[in-house]
Amino acid sequence: MPEHVKVVATNRKAGFEYFLLEHFEAGLALQGSEIKSIRAGQISLSEAFVEIDRLEAWLVEAHIAPYAQANRFNHDPKRRRRLLLHKKEIRKLWNEVRQKGVTIVPIRVYIKDGRAKLEIALAKGKKLHDKRDAIAERDQAREAARGMRED
């Protein structure tokens, strides 16, 4: 049975700001108006991060726009949302985050088989010179592609 995956939002800065070490797929515990907004593409991960608290993982500071047709039953756009992960995965994330400089960043939100999923990654922050190297590599690749097109 083929999986139907529709990417709704991506955190494009994550790959530039961090070295992404290990990826995980987490479900999201959402309210009805939130899933409707996500399906409409009304989510932003730009300031979002993941927090581990006891044996629960939380998505914090993700903005899901209020759903227009939900009127008084609408949700708080910036509320903390629980991530659905196995206990073993949460323990692994917790042990990794206790190390200096390691954090958990949300990478993308997508709809898979009718359910909202969040791809998260263990990440280590890049230094300024690492970011400059990434910019230089990107520029070189762009120039090479441009040179190939001109030939």
N, C-alpha and C. Protein backbone atom coordinates (compact mmCIF):
# COMPACT_ATOMS: atom_id res chain seq x y z
N MET A 1 0.85 -1.18 0.00
CA MET A 1 0.00 0.00 0.00
C MET A 1 0.90 1.25 0.00
N PRO A 2 0.80 2.11 -1.02
CA PRO A 2 1.67 3.29 -1.08
C PRO A 2 1.27 4.34 -0.05
N GLU A 3 2.28 4.96 0.54
CA GLU A 3 2.03 6.02 1.52
C GLU A 3 1.77 7.33 0.77
N HIS A 4 0.80 8.05 1.21
CA HIS A 4 0.53 9.36 0.63
C HIS A 4 1.07 10.42 1.60
N VAL A 5 2.10 11.14 1.16
CA VAL A 5 2.73 12.15 2.02
C VAL A 5 2.63 13.51 1.34
N LYS A 6 2.09 14.49 2.07
CA LYS A 6 2.00 15.86 1.58
C LYS A 6 2.74 16.76 2.56
N VAL A 7 3.86 17.34 2.11
CA VAL A 7 4.62 18.24 2.98
C VAL A 7 3.87 19.56 3.10
N VAL A 8 3.64 19.98 4.35
CA VAL A 8 2.86 21.18 4.61
C VAL A 8 3.76 22.36 4.94
N ALA A 9 4.80 22.13 5.77
CA ALA A 9 5.69 23.23 6.16
C ALA A 9 7.09 22.67 6.41
N THR A 10 8.10 23.49 6.11
CA THR A 10 9.48 23.09 6.38
C THR A 10 10.18 24.20 7.15
N ASN A 11 11.17 23.81 7.90
CA ASN A 11 12.01 24.75 8.64
C ASN A 11 13.31 24.87 7.85
N ARG A 12 13.37 25.78 6.90
CA ARG A 12 14.50 25.87 5.99
C ARG A 12 15.77 26.33 6.69
N LYS A 13 15.64 27.08 7.77
CA LYS A 13 16.82 27.58 8.48
C LYS A 13 17.52 26.50 9.29
N ALA A 14 16.82 25.42 9.61
CA ALA A 14 17.38 24.38 10.48
C ALA A 14 18.66 23.79 9.89
N GLY A 15 18.67 23.48 8.60
CA GLY A 15 19.85 22.90 7.97
C GLY A 15 21.01 23.86 7.90
N PHE A 16 20.71 25.16 7.89
CA PHE A 16 21.76 26.17 7.83
C PHE A 16 22.33 26.47 9.21
N GLU A 17 21.48 26.48 10.22
CA GLU A 17 21.89 26.84 11.58
C GLU A 17 22.50 25.67 12.36
N TYR A 18 22.17 24.42 11.97
CA TYR A 18 22.57 23.25 12.75
C TYR A 18 23.13 22.14 11.86
N PHE A 19 23.98 21.28 12.45
CA PHE A 19 24.34 20.01 11.86
C PHE A 19 23.25 19.04 12.30
N LEU A 20 22.52 18.45 11.36
CA LEU A 20 21.44 17.54 11.71
C LEU A 20 22.01 16.13 11.87
N LEU A 21 21.92 15.57 13.09
CA LEU A 21 22.57 14.31 13.41
C LEU A 21 21.68 13.09 13.17
N GLU A 22 20.49 13.06 13.76
CA GLU A 22 19.62 11.90 13.66
C GLU A 22 18.17 12.35 13.56
N HIS A 23 17.41 11.76 12.65
CA HIS A 23 16.03 12.17 12.39
C HIS A 23 15.04 11.21 13.04
N PHE A 24 13.89 11.77 13.48
CA PHE A 24 12.81 10.98 14.07
C PHE A 24 11.49 11.47 13.48
N GLU A 25 10.48 10.57 13.44
CA GLU A 25 9.14 10.95 13.02
C GLU A 25 8.24 10.91 14.25
N ALA A 26 7.54 12.01 14.50
CA ALA A 26 6.65 12.09 15.66
C ALA A 26 5.25 12.48 15.21
N GLY A 27 4.26 11.92 15.88
CA GLY A 27 2.89 12.35 15.65
C GLY A 27 2.62 13.60 16.46
N LEU A 28 1.56 14.30 16.13
CA LEU A 28 1.19 15.52 16.86
C LEU A 28 -0.19 15.33 17.49
N ALA A 29 -0.34 15.66 18.77
CA ALA A 29 -1.64 15.64 19.43
C ALA A 29 -2.27 17.01 19.21
N LEU A 30 -3.29 17.06 18.36
CA LEU A 30 -3.87 18.33 17.93
C LEU A 30 -5.35 18.41 18.26
N GLN A 31 -5.86 19.65 18.28
CA GLN A 31 -7.29 19.89 18.39
C GLN A 31 -7.87 19.90 16.97
N GLY A 32 -9.18 19.83 16.86
CA GLY A 32 -9.82 19.77 15.54
C GLY A 32 -9.53 20.95 14.65
N SER A 33 -9.56 22.16 15.21
CA SER A 33 -9.31 23.34 14.38
C SER A 33 -7.84 23.42 13.96
N GLU A 34 -6.93 22.82 14.75
CA GLU A 34 -5.51 22.84 14.40
C GLU A 34 -5.22 21.98 13.19
N ILE A 35 -5.79 20.79 13.11
CA ILE A 35 -5.53 19.91 11.96
C ILE A 35 -6.11 20.53 10.70
N LYS A 36 -7.24 21.22 10.83
CA LYS A 36 -7.82 21.89 9.66
C LYS A 36 -6.88 22.99 9.15
N SER A 37 -6.29 23.76 10.06
CA SER A 37 -5.35 24.81 9.67
C SER A 37 -4.09 24.22 9.05
N ILE A 38 -3.60 23.11 9.61
CA ILE A 38 -2.39 22.47 9.07
C ILE A 38 -2.66 21.97 7.67
N ARG A 39 -3.81 21.35 7.45
CA ARG A 39 -4.15 20.86 6.10
C ARG A 39 -4.21 22.00 5.11
N ALA A 40 -4.55 23.21 5.59
CA ALA A 40 -4.60 24.39 4.72
C ALA A 40 -3.22 25.04 4.59
N GLY A 41 -2.21 24.48 5.26
CA GLY A 41 -0.84 25.00 5.15
C GLY A 41 -0.56 26.18 6.06
N GLN A 42 -1.38 26.40 7.07
CA GLN A 42 -1.26 27.57 7.94
C GLN A 42 -0.44 27.26 9.19
N ILE A 43 0.82 26.84 9.01
CA ILE A 43 1.70 26.53 10.14
C ILE A 43 3.08 27.10 9.86
N SER A 44 3.73 27.57 10.92
CA SER A 44 5.08 28.12 10.81
C SER A 44 5.97 27.49 11.88
N LEU A 45 7.13 26.99 11.44
CA LEU A 45 8.09 26.35 12.36
C LEU A 45 9.31 27.23 12.61
N SER A 46 9.28 28.48 12.18
CA SER A 46 10.50 29.31 12.21
C SER A 46 11.07 29.51 13.61
N GLU A 47 10.25 29.72 14.64
CA GLU A 47 10.78 29.90 16.00
C GLU A 47 10.59 28.65 16.86
N ALA A 48 10.09 27.58 16.28
CA ALA A 48 9.71 26.40 17.06
C ALA A 48 10.92 25.59 17.52
N PHE A 49 10.74 24.91 18.66
CA PHE A 49 11.75 23.98 19.16
C PHE A 49 11.03 22.88 19.94
N VAL A 50 11.78 21.82 20.25
CA VAL A 50 11.21 20.67 20.97
C VAL A 50 11.79 20.64 22.38
N GLU A 51 10.92 20.39 23.35
CA GLU A 51 11.31 20.35 24.76
C GLU A 51 10.95 18.96 25.30
N ILE A 52 11.85 18.37 26.10
CA ILE A 52 11.56 17.09 26.74
C ILE A 52 11.31 17.37 28.22
N ASP A 53 10.16 16.87 28.72
CA ASP A 53 9.76 17.13 30.10
C ASP A 53 9.29 15.80 30.68
N ARG A 54 10.03 15.25 31.62
CA ARG A 54 9.81 13.90 32.15
C ARG A 54 9.78 12.90 31.02
N LEU A 55 8.67 12.21 30.81
CA LEU A 55 8.61 11.25 29.70
C LEU A 55 7.69 11.74 28.59
N GLU A 56 7.66 13.05 28.38
CA GLU A 56 6.84 13.62 27.31
C GLU A 56 7.68 14.60 26.50
N ALA A 57 7.40 14.65 25.20
CA ALA A 57 8.06 15.61 24.32
C ALA A 57 7.02 16.63 23.87
N TRP A 58 7.42 17.89 23.78
CA TRP A 58 6.50 18.98 23.45
C TRP A 58 7.05 19.82 22.31
N LEU A 59 6.18 20.23 21.41
CA LEU A 59 6.52 21.20 20.36
C LEU A 59 6.13 22.57 20.91
N VAL A 60 7.12 23.45 21.02
CA VAL A 60 6.91 24.75 21.65
C VAL A 60 7.14 25.86 20.61
N GLU A 61 6.33 26.92 20.69
CA GLU A 61 6.46 28.11 19.85
C GLU A 61 6.17 27.88 18.38
N ALA A 62 5.54 26.78 18.01
CA ALA A 62 5.10 26.60 16.62
C ALA A 62 3.79 27.37 16.46
N HIS A 63 3.66 28.12 15.39
CA HIS A 63 2.47 28.94 15.18
C HIS A 63 1.54 28.25 14.18
N ILE A 64 0.36 27.86 14.66
CA ILE A 64 -0.68 27.32 13.79
C ILE A 64 -1.79 28.37 13.78
N ALA A 65 -2.03 28.96 12.61
CA ALA A 65 -3.00 30.05 12.50
C ALA A 65 -4.39 29.57 12.88
N PRO A 66 -5.20 30.45 13.50
CA PRO A 66 -6.57 30.08 13.83
C PRO A 66 -7.35 29.73 12.56
N TYR A 67 -8.24 28.77 12.67
CA TYR A 67 -9.05 28.33 11.54
C TYR A 67 -10.28 29.21 11.45
N ALA A 68 -10.50 29.85 10.31
CA ALA A 68 -11.54 30.86 10.16
C ALA A 68 -12.94 30.35 10.51
N GLN A 69 -13.28 29.11 10.13
CA GLN A 69 -14.62 28.60 10.35
C GLN A 69 -14.84 28.04 11.76
N ALA A 70 -13.82 28.04 12.61
CA ALA A 70 -13.96 27.45 13.94
C ALA A 70 -14.57 28.40 14.97
N ASN A 71 -14.71 29.67 14.65
CA ASN A 71 -15.22 30.73 15.52
C ASN A 71 -14.83 30.56 16.98
N ARG A 72 -15.75 30.39 17.92
CA ARG A 72 -15.40 30.37 19.34
C ARG A 72 -14.69 29.09 19.79
N PHE A 73 -14.68 28.06 18.96
CA PHE A 73 -14.03 26.80 19.31
C PHE A 73 -12.57 26.77 18.85
N ASN A 74 -12.04 27.93 18.46
CA ASN A 74 -10.69 27.99 17.92
C ASN A 74 -9.64 27.70 18.99
N HIS A 75 -8.41 27.47 18.53
CA HIS A 75 -7.29 27.12 19.40
C HIS A 75 -6.37 28.32 19.61
N ASP A 76 -5.50 28.23 20.62
CA ASP A 76 -4.46 29.23 20.85
C ASP A 76 -3.34 28.95 19.83
N PRO A 77 -2.98 29.92 18.99
CA PRO A 77 -2.00 29.66 17.92
C PRO A 77 -0.62 29.22 18.40
N LYS A 78 -0.19 29.63 19.60
CA LYS A 78 1.17 29.33 20.07
C LYS A 78 1.21 28.31 21.21
N ARG A 79 0.14 27.57 21.42
CA ARG A 79 0.12 26.64 22.56
C ARG A 79 1.13 25.51 22.38
N ARG A 80 1.54 24.91 23.52
CA ARG A 80 2.45 23.75 23.49
C ARG A 80 1.66 22.54 23.00
N ARG A 81 2.27 21.78 22.08
CA ARG A 81 1.60 20.59 21.54
C ARG A 81 2.42 19.36 21.86
N ARG A 82 1.73 18.32 22.32
CA ARG A 82 2.42 17.09 22.70
C ARG A 82 2.84 16.31 21.47
N LEU A 83 4.07 15.78 21.50
CA LEU A 83 4.56 14.94 20.42
C LEU A 83 4.35 13.48 20.80
N LEU A 84 3.92 12.68 19.85
CA LEU A 84 3.65 11.28 20.09
C LEU A 84 4.85 10.46 19.62
N LEU A 85 5.64 10.01 20.59
CA LEU A 85 6.83 9.20 20.34
C LEU A 85 6.83 8.01 21.29
N HIS A 86 7.59 6.98 20.94
CA HIS A 86 7.75 5.85 21.85
C HIS A 86 8.63 6.26 23.02
N LYS A 87 8.41 5.64 24.20
CA LYS A 87 9.19 5.98 25.40
C LYS A 87 10.68 5.81 25.15
N LYS A 88 11.03 4.78 24.40
CA LYS A 88 12.44 4.51 24.09
C LYS A 88 13.04 5.68 23.30
N GLU A 89 12.28 6.21 22.35
CA GLU A 89 12.75 7.34 21.55
C GLU A 89 12.90 8.59 22.42
N ILE A 90 11.93 8.81 23.31
CA ILE A 90 11.99 9.98 24.19
C ILE A 90 13.21 9.89 25.11
N ARG A 91 13.47 8.69 25.65
CA ARG A 91 14.65 8.51 26.51
C ARG A 91 15.94 8.77 25.74
N LYS A 92 16.02 8.29 24.51
CA LYS A 92 17.20 8.51 23.68
C LYS A 92 17.40 10.02 23.44
N LEU A 93 16.32 10.71 23.09
CA LEU A 93 16.40 12.16 22.87
C LEU A 93 16.85 12.87 24.14
N TRP A 94 16.28 12.48 25.29
CA TRP A 94 16.62 13.10 26.56
C TRP A 94 18.10 12.92 26.87
N ASN A 95 18.62 11.70 26.66
CA ASN A 95 20.04 11.44 26.93
C ASN A 95 20.95 12.25 26.02
N GLU A 96 20.56 12.42 24.76
CA GLU A 96 21.37 13.19 23.82
C GLU A 96 21.35 14.69 24.14
N VAL A 97 20.17 15.20 24.54
CA VAL A 97 20.02 16.64 24.80
C VAL A 97 20.80 17.07 26.04
N ARG A 98 21.05 16.13 26.96
CA ARG A 98 21.81 16.50 28.17
C ARG A 98 23.26 16.84 27.82
N GLN A 99 23.75 16.41 26.65
CA GLN A 99 25.11 16.78 26.23
C GLN A 99 25.13 18.25 25.85
N LYS A 100 26.29 18.85 26.01
CA LYS A 100 26.42 20.28 25.71
C LYS A 100 26.31 20.53 24.21
N GLY A 101 25.49 21.49 23.84
CA GLY A 101 25.40 21.92 22.45
C GLY A 101 24.46 21.10 21.58
N VAL A 102 23.77 20.11 22.14
CA VAL A 102 22.84 19.30 21.34
C VAL A 102 21.41 19.72 21.68
N THR A 103 20.61 19.90 20.64
CA THR A 103 19.22 20.30 20.82
C THR A 103 18.34 19.50 19.86
N ILE A 104 17.04 19.70 19.95
CA ILE A 104 16.11 19.03 19.05
C ILE A 104 15.37 20.10 18.26
N VAL A 105 15.44 20.01 16.94
CA VAL A 105 14.78 21.01 16.10
C VAL A 105 13.73 20.35 15.21
N PRO A 106 12.60 21.02 15.00
CA PRO A 106 11.61 20.51 14.05
C PRO A 106 12.08 20.80 12.63
N ILE A 107 11.98 19.81 11.74
CA ILE A 107 12.44 19.97 10.37
C ILE A 107 11.28 20.26 9.42
N ARG A 108 10.24 19.42 9.47
CA ARG A 108 9.10 19.63 8.57
C ARG A 108 7.84 19.00 9.16
N VAL A 109 6.70 19.53 8.72
CA VAL A 109 5.39 18.98 9.08
C VAL A 109 4.78 18.46 7.79
N TYR A 110 4.21 17.25 7.86
CA TYR A 110 3.59 16.68 6.68
C TYR A 110 2.38 15.85 7.09
N ILE A 111 1.52 15.60 6.12
CA ILE A 111 0.35 14.77 6.32
C ILE A 111 0.67 13.41 5.71
N LYS A 112 0.60 12.35 6.52
CA LYS A 112 0.90 11.00 6.06
C LYS A 112 -0.29 10.11 6.41
N ASP A 113 -0.90 9.54 5.41
CA ASP A 113 -2.07 8.69 5.59
C ASP A 113 -3.14 9.37 6.45
N GLY A 114 -3.37 10.66 6.22
CA GLY A 114 -4.41 11.40 6.91
C GLY A 114 -4.04 11.94 8.27
N ARG A 115 -2.82 11.67 8.74
CA ARG A 115 -2.40 12.14 10.06
C ARG A 115 -1.25 13.13 9.95
N ALA A 116 -1.24 14.13 10.82
CA ALA A 116 -0.16 15.12 10.83
C ALA A 116 1.06 14.53 11.52
N LYS A 117 2.20 14.60 10.87
CA LYS A 117 3.46 14.10 11.41
C LYS A 117 4.47 15.23 11.42
N LEU A 118 5.42 15.15 12.36
CA LEU A 118 6.48 16.13 12.47
C LEU A 118 7.80 15.40 12.40
N GLU A 119 8.68 15.84 11.50
CA GLU A 119 10.03 15.28 11.45
C GLU A 119 10.90 16.16 12.33
N ILE A 120 11.54 15.53 13.33
CA ILE A 120 12.45 16.26 14.21
C ILE A 120 13.83 15.67 14.07
N ALA A 121 14.84 16.43 14.48
CA ALA A 121 16.21 15.94 14.36
C ALA A 121 17.02 16.40 15.56
N LEU A 122 17.92 15.52 16.01
CA LEU A 122 18.94 15.93 16.97
C LEU A 122 19.89 16.82 16.22
N ALA A 123 20.27 17.94 16.80
CA ALA A 123 21.08 18.91 16.07
C ALA A 123 22.14 19.51 16.96
N LYS A 124 23.26 19.85 16.34
CA LYS A 124 24.35 20.53 17.03
C LYS A 124 24.56 21.85 16.31
N GLY A 125 24.64 22.94 17.05
CA GLY A 125 24.74 24.27 16.45
C GLY A 125 26.01 24.46 15.63
N LYS A 126 25.87 25.16 14.51
CA LYS A 126 27.02 25.46 13.66
C LYS A 126 27.67 26.76 14.15
N LYS A 127 28.98 26.83 14.03
CA LYS A 127 29.70 28.06 14.31
C LYS A 127 29.64 28.94 13.07
N LEU A 128 30.05 30.19 13.21
CA LEU A 128 29.98 31.15 12.11
C LEU A 128 30.79 30.68 10.90
N HIS A 129 32.00 30.12 11.16
CA HIS A 129 32.82 29.69 10.02
C HIS A 129 32.20 28.51 9.29
N ASP A 130 31.45 27.65 10.00
CA ASP A 130 30.75 26.54 9.35
C ASP A 130 29.67 27.07 8.41
N LYS A 131 28.96 28.12 8.86
CA LYS A 131 27.92 28.72 8.04
C LYS A 131 28.53 29.36 6.79
N ARG A 132 29.71 30.01 6.96
CA ARG A 132 30.39 30.60 5.81
C ARG A 132 30.80 29.54 4.80
N ASP A 133 31.26 28.38 5.31
CA ASP A 133 31.63 27.27 4.43
C ASP A 133 30.40 26.79 3.64
N ALA A 134 29.27 26.69 4.31
CA ALA A 134 28.04 26.24 3.66
C ALA A 134 27.64 27.21 2.56
N ILE A 135 27.76 28.52 2.83
CA ILE A 135 27.43 29.53 1.83
C ILE A 135 28.37 29.42 0.64
N ALA A 136 29.68 29.23 0.90
CA ALA A 136 30.66 29.11 -0.18
C ALA A 136 30.38 27.88 -1.04
N GLU A 137 30.06 26.75 -0.42
CA GLU A 137 29.74 25.53 -1.17
C GLU A 137 28.51 25.73 -2.04
N ARG A 138 27.50 26.38 -1.49
CA ARG A 138 26.28 26.62 -2.23
C ARG A 138 26.55 27.52 -3.44
N ASP A 139 27.37 28.57 -3.24
CA ASP A 139 27.72 29.47 -4.34
C ASP A 139 28.50 28.75 -5.43
N GLN A 140 29.44 27.87 -5.03
CA GLN A 140 30.22 27.11 -6.00
C GLN A 140 29.32 26.19 -6.81
N ALA A 141 28.38 25.52 -6.15
CA ALA A 141 27.46 24.62 -6.85
C ALA A 141 26.60 25.41 -7.83
N ARG A 142 26.17 26.59 -7.43
CA ARG A 142 25.36 27.44 -8.30
C ARG A 142 26.16 27.87 -9.53
N GLU A 143 27.43 28.27 -9.32
CA GLU A 143 28.29 28.67 -10.44
C GLU A 143 28.54 27.51 -11.39
N ALA A 144 28.76 26.30 -10.84
CA ALA A 144 29.01 25.13 -11.67
C ALA A 144 27.77 24.81 -12.52
N ALA A 145 26.60 24.88 -11.90
CA ALA A 145 25.36 24.63 -12.63
C ALA A 145 25.16 25.67 -13.72
N ARG A 146 25.48 26.91 -13.43
CA ARG A 146 25.36 27.98 -14.41
C ARG A 146 26.32 27.73 -15.57
N GLY A 147 27.56 27.29 -15.25
CA GLY A 147 28.55 27.00 -16.28
C GLY A 147 28.11 25.84 -17.18
N MET A 148 27.48 24.83 -16.60
CA MET A 148 27.00 23.69 -17.39
C MET A 148 25.88 24.11 -18.33
N ARG A 149 25.01 25.02 -17.87
CA ARG A 149 23.90 25.49 -18.71
C ARG A 149 24.39 26.30 -19.90
N GLU A 150 25.46 27.09 -19.70
CA GLU A 150 25.97 27.95 -20.77
C GLU A 150 26.65 27.16 -21.87
N ASP A 151 27.18 25.98 -21.55
CA ASP A 151 27.89 25.17 -22.57
C ASP A 151 26.97 24.56 -23.59
